[in-house]
N, C-alpha and C. Protein backbone atom coordinates (compact mmCIF):
# COMPACT_ATOMS: atom_id res chain seq x y z
N MET A 1 21.62 9.86 14.61
CA MET A 1 20.28 10.27 14.98
C MET A 1 19.26 9.32 14.33
N PRO A 2 18.31 8.79 15.11
CA PRO A 2 17.33 7.86 14.55
C PRO A 2 16.38 8.55 13.56
N VAL A 3 15.90 7.76 12.62
CA VAL A 3 14.98 8.27 11.61
C VAL A 3 13.56 8.27 12.17
N PHE A 4 12.81 9.34 11.93
CA PHE A 4 11.41 9.44 12.33
C PHE A 4 10.52 9.02 11.16
N PHE A 5 9.58 8.12 11.41
CA PHE A 5 8.65 7.66 10.39
C PHE A 5 7.30 8.36 10.60
N LYS A 6 6.93 9.19 9.65
CA LYS A 6 5.67 9.93 9.72
C LYS A 6 4.46 9.00 9.54
N TYR A 7 4.63 7.96 8.72
CA TYR A 7 3.55 7.02 8.42
C TYR A 7 3.87 5.66 9.02
N LYS A 8 2.83 4.84 9.20
CA LYS A 8 2.98 3.54 9.84
C LYS A 8 2.39 2.44 8.96
N PRO A 9 2.82 1.18 9.17
CA PRO A 9 2.18 0.07 8.46
C PRO A 9 0.67 0.07 8.75
N GLY A 10 -0.09 -0.13 7.68
CA GLY A 10 -1.54 -0.10 7.80
C GLY A 10 -2.15 1.22 7.36
N HIS A 11 -1.32 2.25 7.18
CA HIS A 11 -1.83 3.53 6.68
C HIS A 11 -2.10 3.42 5.18
N VAL A 12 -3.20 4.00 4.75
CA VAL A 12 -3.52 4.13 3.34
C VAL A 12 -3.09 5.54 2.95
N VAL A 13 -2.25 5.65 1.93
CA VAL A 13 -1.69 6.94 1.54
C VAL A 13 -1.83 7.16 0.04
N TYR A 14 -1.74 8.42 -0.37
CA TYR A 14 -1.54 8.74 -1.78
C TYR A 14 -0.05 8.91 -1.96
N CYS A 15 0.50 8.29 -3.01
CA CYS A 15 1.94 8.36 -3.22
C CYS A 15 2.26 8.28 -4.71
N ARG A 16 3.53 8.50 -5.01
CA ARG A 16 4.02 8.46 -6.39
C ARG A 16 4.43 7.03 -6.73
N PHE A 17 3.65 6.38 -7.59
CA PHE A 17 3.96 5.02 -8.05
C PHE A 17 4.50 5.06 -9.47
N PRO A 18 5.59 4.34 -9.72
CA PRO A 18 6.08 4.26 -11.11
C PRO A 18 5.10 3.42 -11.94
N ARG A 19 4.90 3.84 -13.17
CA ARG A 19 4.07 3.06 -14.08
C ARG A 19 4.76 1.74 -14.41
N GLU A 20 3.99 0.70 -14.53
CA GLU A 20 4.56 -0.62 -14.81
C GLU A 20 5.23 -0.65 -16.18
N GLU A 21 4.60 -0.02 -17.18
CA GLU A 21 5.12 -0.06 -18.54
C GLU A 21 6.26 0.93 -18.76
N ASN A 22 6.35 1.97 -17.89
CA ASN A 22 7.42 2.96 -18.01
C ASN A 22 7.74 3.52 -16.62
N PRO A 23 8.67 2.90 -15.90
CA PRO A 23 8.96 3.30 -14.52
C PRO A 23 9.49 4.73 -14.36
N ASP A 24 9.86 5.38 -15.46
CA ASP A 24 10.31 6.78 -15.38
C ASP A 24 9.14 7.75 -15.18
N ILE A 25 7.93 7.28 -15.47
CA ILE A 25 6.73 8.11 -15.31
C ILE A 25 6.05 7.70 -14.00
N MET A 26 5.75 8.71 -13.18
CA MET A 26 5.13 8.46 -11.88
C MET A 26 3.70 8.98 -11.87
N ASP A 27 2.82 8.23 -11.21
CA ASP A 27 1.42 8.63 -11.06
C ASP A 27 1.07 8.67 -9.58
N ASP A 28 0.23 9.62 -9.18
CA ASP A 28 -0.30 9.63 -7.81
C ASP A 28 -1.35 8.54 -7.72
N ARG A 29 -1.14 7.62 -6.79
CA ARG A 29 -2.04 6.46 -6.62
C ARG A 29 -2.22 6.19 -5.14
N PRO A 30 -3.34 5.58 -4.76
CA PRO A 30 -3.45 5.13 -3.37
C PRO A 30 -2.62 3.86 -3.17
N GLY A 31 -2.13 3.71 -1.97
CA GLY A 31 -1.35 2.53 -1.63
C GLY A 31 -1.46 2.23 -0.15
N LEU A 32 -1.17 0.98 0.20
CA LEU A 32 -1.20 0.52 1.58
C LEU A 32 0.23 0.31 2.06
N ILE A 33 0.62 1.00 3.13
CA ILE A 33 1.96 0.82 3.68
C ILE A 33 2.03 -0.54 4.37
N LEU A 34 2.99 -1.35 3.92
CA LEU A 34 3.20 -2.67 4.49
C LEU A 34 4.29 -2.68 5.55
N SER A 35 5.33 -1.87 5.35
CA SER A 35 6.43 -1.81 6.31
C SER A 35 7.21 -0.51 6.12
N CYS A 36 8.04 -0.21 7.12
CA CYS A 36 8.89 0.98 7.12
C CYS A 36 10.32 0.54 7.37
N LYS A 37 11.27 1.25 6.75
CA LYS A 37 12.67 0.97 7.05
C LYS A 37 13.51 2.20 6.77
N GLU A 38 14.66 2.22 7.40
CA GLU A 38 15.62 3.29 7.19
C GLU A 38 16.53 2.89 6.04
N LYS A 39 16.74 3.82 5.12
CA LYS A 39 17.62 3.59 3.98
C LYS A 39 18.29 4.91 3.65
N PHE A 40 19.59 4.91 3.58
CA PHE A 40 20.35 6.15 3.32
C PHE A 40 20.02 7.22 4.35
N ASP A 41 19.80 6.81 5.60
CA ASP A 41 19.46 7.71 6.71
C ASP A 41 18.15 8.46 6.50
N LYS A 42 17.25 7.86 5.70
CA LYS A 42 15.95 8.47 5.42
C LYS A 42 14.86 7.41 5.55
N PRO A 43 13.61 7.83 5.83
CA PRO A 43 12.51 6.86 5.92
C PRO A 43 12.04 6.39 4.54
N TYR A 44 11.92 5.08 4.40
CA TYR A 44 11.39 4.45 3.19
C TYR A 44 10.26 3.52 3.61
N TYR A 45 9.34 3.28 2.67
CA TYR A 45 8.16 2.47 2.95
C TYR A 45 7.94 1.46 1.83
N LYS A 46 7.59 0.23 2.20
CA LYS A 46 7.11 -0.74 1.21
C LYS A 46 5.61 -0.55 1.12
N ILE A 47 5.14 -0.23 -0.10
CA ILE A 47 3.74 0.14 -0.30
C ILE A 47 3.14 -0.71 -1.41
N ALA A 48 1.98 -1.30 -1.12
CA ALA A 48 1.23 -2.07 -2.12
C ALA A 48 0.28 -1.14 -2.87
N LYS A 49 0.34 -1.18 -4.17
CA LYS A 49 -0.54 -0.35 -5.01
C LYS A 49 -1.99 -0.80 -4.83
N MET A 50 -2.89 0.16 -4.87
CA MET A 50 -4.32 -0.13 -4.78
C MET A 50 -4.96 0.29 -6.10
N THR A 51 -5.78 -0.61 -6.67
CA THR A 51 -6.39 -0.37 -7.98
C THR A 51 -7.89 -0.62 -7.94
N LYS A 52 -8.58 -0.13 -8.96
CA LYS A 52 -10.02 -0.37 -9.09
C LYS A 52 -10.32 -1.77 -9.61
N THR A 53 -9.36 -2.36 -10.30
CA THR A 53 -9.57 -3.66 -10.95
C THR A 53 -9.28 -4.79 -9.98
N ASP A 54 -10.25 -5.69 -9.82
CA ASP A 54 -10.06 -6.87 -8.96
C ASP A 54 -9.22 -7.88 -9.72
N ASN A 55 -7.97 -8.00 -9.36
CA ASN A 55 -7.04 -8.95 -9.98
C ASN A 55 -6.77 -10.16 -9.11
N SER A 56 -7.70 -10.47 -8.20
CA SER A 56 -7.46 -11.57 -7.25
C SER A 56 -7.35 -12.92 -7.94
N HIS A 57 -7.85 -13.04 -9.16
CA HIS A 57 -7.72 -14.30 -9.91
C HIS A 57 -6.32 -14.45 -10.52
N ARG A 58 -5.54 -13.35 -10.55
CA ARG A 58 -4.21 -13.39 -11.17
C ARG A 58 -3.05 -13.12 -10.20
N PHE A 59 -3.32 -12.35 -9.14
CA PHE A 59 -2.27 -11.93 -8.23
C PHE A 59 -2.71 -12.08 -6.78
N ALA A 60 -1.73 -12.19 -5.89
CA ALA A 60 -2.04 -12.15 -4.45
C ALA A 60 -2.57 -10.76 -4.13
N GLY A 61 -3.56 -10.71 -3.27
CA GLY A 61 -4.12 -9.43 -2.88
C GLY A 61 -5.49 -9.61 -2.27
N LEU A 62 -6.13 -8.51 -2.00
CA LEU A 62 -7.43 -8.54 -1.34
C LEU A 62 -8.31 -7.45 -1.93
N PHE A 63 -9.56 -7.79 -2.24
CA PHE A 63 -10.52 -6.83 -2.79
C PHE A 63 -11.42 -6.34 -1.67
N ILE A 64 -11.51 -5.02 -1.53
CA ILE A 64 -12.30 -4.39 -0.47
C ILE A 64 -13.38 -3.51 -1.11
N ARG A 65 -14.61 -3.68 -0.68
CA ARG A 65 -15.70 -2.84 -1.18
C ARG A 65 -15.70 -1.51 -0.41
N LYS A 66 -15.89 -0.43 -1.13
CA LYS A 66 -15.78 0.91 -0.53
C LYS A 66 -16.86 1.19 0.50
N ASP A 67 -18.05 0.56 0.37
CA ASP A 67 -19.15 0.87 1.28
C ASP A 67 -19.22 -0.05 2.49
N THR A 68 -18.19 -0.88 2.70
CA THR A 68 -18.13 -1.71 3.91
C THR A 68 -17.46 -0.90 5.02
N LYS A 69 -17.55 -1.39 6.26
CA LYS A 69 -16.91 -0.65 7.36
C LYS A 69 -15.39 -0.57 7.14
N GLU A 70 -14.81 -1.61 6.53
CA GLU A 70 -13.38 -1.60 6.23
C GLU A 70 -13.06 -0.53 5.17
N GLY A 71 -13.86 -0.51 4.13
CA GLY A 71 -13.67 0.48 3.06
C GLY A 71 -13.85 1.90 3.55
N ILE A 72 -14.79 2.10 4.46
CA ILE A 72 -15.03 3.43 5.02
C ILE A 72 -13.84 3.84 5.90
N SER A 73 -13.33 2.89 6.71
CA SER A 73 -12.16 3.18 7.56
C SER A 73 -10.94 3.54 6.71
N MET A 74 -10.83 2.89 5.56
CA MET A 74 -9.69 3.13 4.67
C MET A 74 -9.93 4.36 3.79
N ASN A 75 -11.15 4.93 3.88
CA ASN A 75 -11.52 6.12 3.11
C ASN A 75 -11.41 5.86 1.60
N LEU A 76 -11.90 4.70 1.18
CA LEU A 76 -11.81 4.32 -0.23
C LEU A 76 -12.80 5.11 -1.06
N ASP A 77 -12.36 5.55 -2.24
CA ASP A 77 -13.22 6.26 -3.18
C ASP A 77 -13.94 5.30 -4.12
N PHE A 78 -13.45 4.06 -4.19
CA PHE A 78 -14.03 3.05 -5.08
C PHE A 78 -13.70 1.68 -4.52
N ASP A 79 -14.40 0.64 -4.99
CA ASP A 79 -14.04 -0.72 -4.61
C ASP A 79 -12.59 -0.92 -5.03
N THR A 80 -11.79 -1.51 -4.16
CA THR A 80 -10.34 -1.47 -4.33
C THR A 80 -9.67 -2.82 -4.14
N PHE A 81 -8.73 -3.12 -5.04
CA PHE A 81 -7.89 -4.31 -4.92
C PHE A 81 -6.54 -3.89 -4.37
N ILE A 82 -6.13 -4.49 -3.26
CA ILE A 82 -4.80 -4.25 -2.71
C ILE A 82 -3.88 -5.24 -3.43
N HIS A 83 -3.08 -4.73 -4.33
CA HIS A 83 -2.31 -5.51 -5.31
C HIS A 83 -0.93 -5.86 -4.76
N LEU A 84 -0.78 -7.08 -4.27
CA LEU A 84 0.49 -7.49 -3.67
C LEU A 84 1.52 -7.89 -4.72
N GLY A 85 1.12 -7.89 -5.99
CA GLY A 85 2.07 -8.09 -7.07
C GLY A 85 2.74 -6.78 -7.49
N ARG A 86 2.27 -5.67 -6.94
CA ARG A 86 2.82 -4.34 -7.25
C ARG A 86 3.21 -3.63 -5.94
N ILE A 87 4.27 -4.08 -5.34
CA ILE A 87 4.80 -3.46 -4.13
C ILE A 87 6.04 -2.68 -4.51
N GLU A 88 6.09 -1.43 -4.10
CA GLU A 88 7.23 -0.56 -4.40
C GLU A 88 7.82 -0.05 -3.09
N GLU A 89 9.12 0.21 -3.11
CA GLU A 89 9.79 0.86 -2.00
C GLU A 89 9.85 2.35 -2.32
N ILE A 90 9.17 3.15 -1.51
CA ILE A 90 8.99 4.57 -1.81
C ILE A 90 9.53 5.40 -0.65
N PRO A 91 10.34 6.43 -0.97
CA PRO A 91 10.83 7.32 0.09
C PRO A 91 9.68 8.19 0.60
N GLU A 92 9.85 8.69 1.81
CA GLU A 92 8.77 9.48 2.41
C GLU A 92 8.38 10.69 1.56
N PHE A 93 9.34 11.31 0.87
CA PHE A 93 8.98 12.48 0.06
C PHE A 93 8.07 12.09 -1.12
N GLY A 94 7.96 10.79 -1.43
CA GLY A 94 7.06 10.32 -2.49
C GLY A 94 5.63 10.13 -2.03
N ILE A 95 5.40 10.28 -0.73
CA ILE A 95 4.05 10.14 -0.18
C ILE A 95 3.42 11.53 -0.11
N ARG A 96 2.25 11.65 -0.70
CA ARG A 96 1.57 12.95 -0.76
C ARG A 96 0.78 13.26 0.51
N ARG A 97 -0.01 12.25 0.98
CA ARG A 97 -0.84 12.48 2.16
C ARG A 97 -1.44 11.18 2.68
N LEU A 98 -1.86 11.22 3.92
CA LEU A 98 -2.57 10.10 4.53
C LEU A 98 -4.02 10.13 4.05
N LYS A 99 -4.54 8.98 3.68
CA LYS A 99 -5.91 8.88 3.19
C LYS A 99 -6.82 8.21 4.21
N GLY A 100 -6.34 7.13 4.84
CA GLY A 100 -7.15 6.38 5.79
C GLY A 100 -6.29 5.36 6.51
N VAL A 101 -6.97 4.48 7.25
CA VAL A 101 -6.25 3.46 8.02
C VAL A 101 -6.92 2.11 7.77
N CYS A 102 -6.10 1.12 7.46
CA CYS A 102 -6.58 -0.25 7.23
C CYS A 102 -6.90 -0.88 8.59
N PRO A 103 -8.11 -1.43 8.76
CA PRO A 103 -8.43 -2.10 10.02
C PRO A 103 -7.48 -3.29 10.26
N MET A 104 -7.13 -3.53 11.51
CA MET A 104 -6.16 -4.56 11.85
C MET A 104 -6.53 -5.95 11.31
N PRO A 105 -7.78 -6.39 11.37
CA PRO A 105 -8.08 -7.73 10.81
C PRO A 105 -7.76 -7.83 9.30
N ILE A 106 -8.01 -6.76 8.56
CA ILE A 106 -7.70 -6.74 7.13
C ILE A 106 -6.18 -6.71 6.93
N PHE A 107 -5.49 -5.87 7.73
CA PHE A 107 -4.04 -5.80 7.61
C PHE A 107 -3.39 -7.14 7.96
N ASP A 108 -3.93 -7.83 8.95
CA ASP A 108 -3.43 -9.17 9.29
C ASP A 108 -3.63 -10.15 8.13
N GLN A 109 -4.76 -10.04 7.44
CA GLN A 109 -5.00 -10.88 6.25
C GLN A 109 -3.97 -10.59 5.17
N ILE A 110 -3.68 -9.31 4.97
CA ILE A 110 -2.69 -8.91 3.96
C ILE A 110 -1.33 -9.48 4.31
N LYS A 111 -0.91 -9.36 5.58
CA LYS A 111 0.39 -9.89 5.99
C LYS A 111 0.44 -11.41 5.79
N LYS A 112 -0.67 -12.11 6.09
CA LYS A 112 -0.71 -13.56 5.89
C LYS A 112 -0.62 -13.91 4.40
N LEU A 113 -1.32 -13.16 3.56
CA LEU A 113 -1.24 -13.37 2.12
C LEU A 113 0.20 -13.19 1.62
N CYS A 114 0.87 -12.17 2.14
CA CYS A 114 2.27 -11.94 1.77
C CYS A 114 3.12 -13.13 2.18
N SER A 115 2.96 -13.57 3.41
CA SER A 115 3.73 -14.70 3.92
C SER A 115 3.46 -15.97 3.11
N ASP A 116 2.17 -16.25 2.86
CA ASP A 116 1.79 -17.46 2.09
C ASP A 116 2.28 -17.41 0.66
N SER A 117 2.43 -16.20 0.11
CA SER A 117 2.85 -16.04 -1.28
C SER A 117 4.35 -15.83 -1.41
N GLY A 118 5.09 -15.83 -0.30
CA GLY A 118 6.53 -15.63 -0.34
C GLY A 118 6.93 -14.20 -0.65
N ILE A 119 6.05 -13.26 -0.32
CA ILE A 119 6.32 -11.84 -0.56
C ILE A 119 6.97 -11.27 0.69
N ASP A 120 8.16 -10.73 0.54
CA ASP A 120 8.91 -10.16 1.66
C ASP A 120 8.48 -8.73 1.90
N ILE A 121 7.93 -8.50 3.09
CA ILE A 121 7.55 -7.13 3.43
C ILE A 121 8.40 -6.69 4.60
């Protein structure tokens, strides 16, 4: 039986992200779904962590202002950095809820950044 994916690439979601300093501790964080795949007969998602800190000088990613049309479409609560150095593979049960949708031009930029940086999504 094929796996049903509730979420799609480009969706902004709240999900359980492992802490960088202690992966056993999980925090609810916003993230951008980059891709979906079946694993162990269940839906899994590659999700880029979204943070308040603009780390574009250190990591691949994109900074989006919350009051722009893109930020409004993504339903951002604050100016946000889509952190491509923090991509996690998360099962669907780790996703809490849909928050917003990334506009296609921004999502295309993210995919290009991943490709240019050698990040496999």
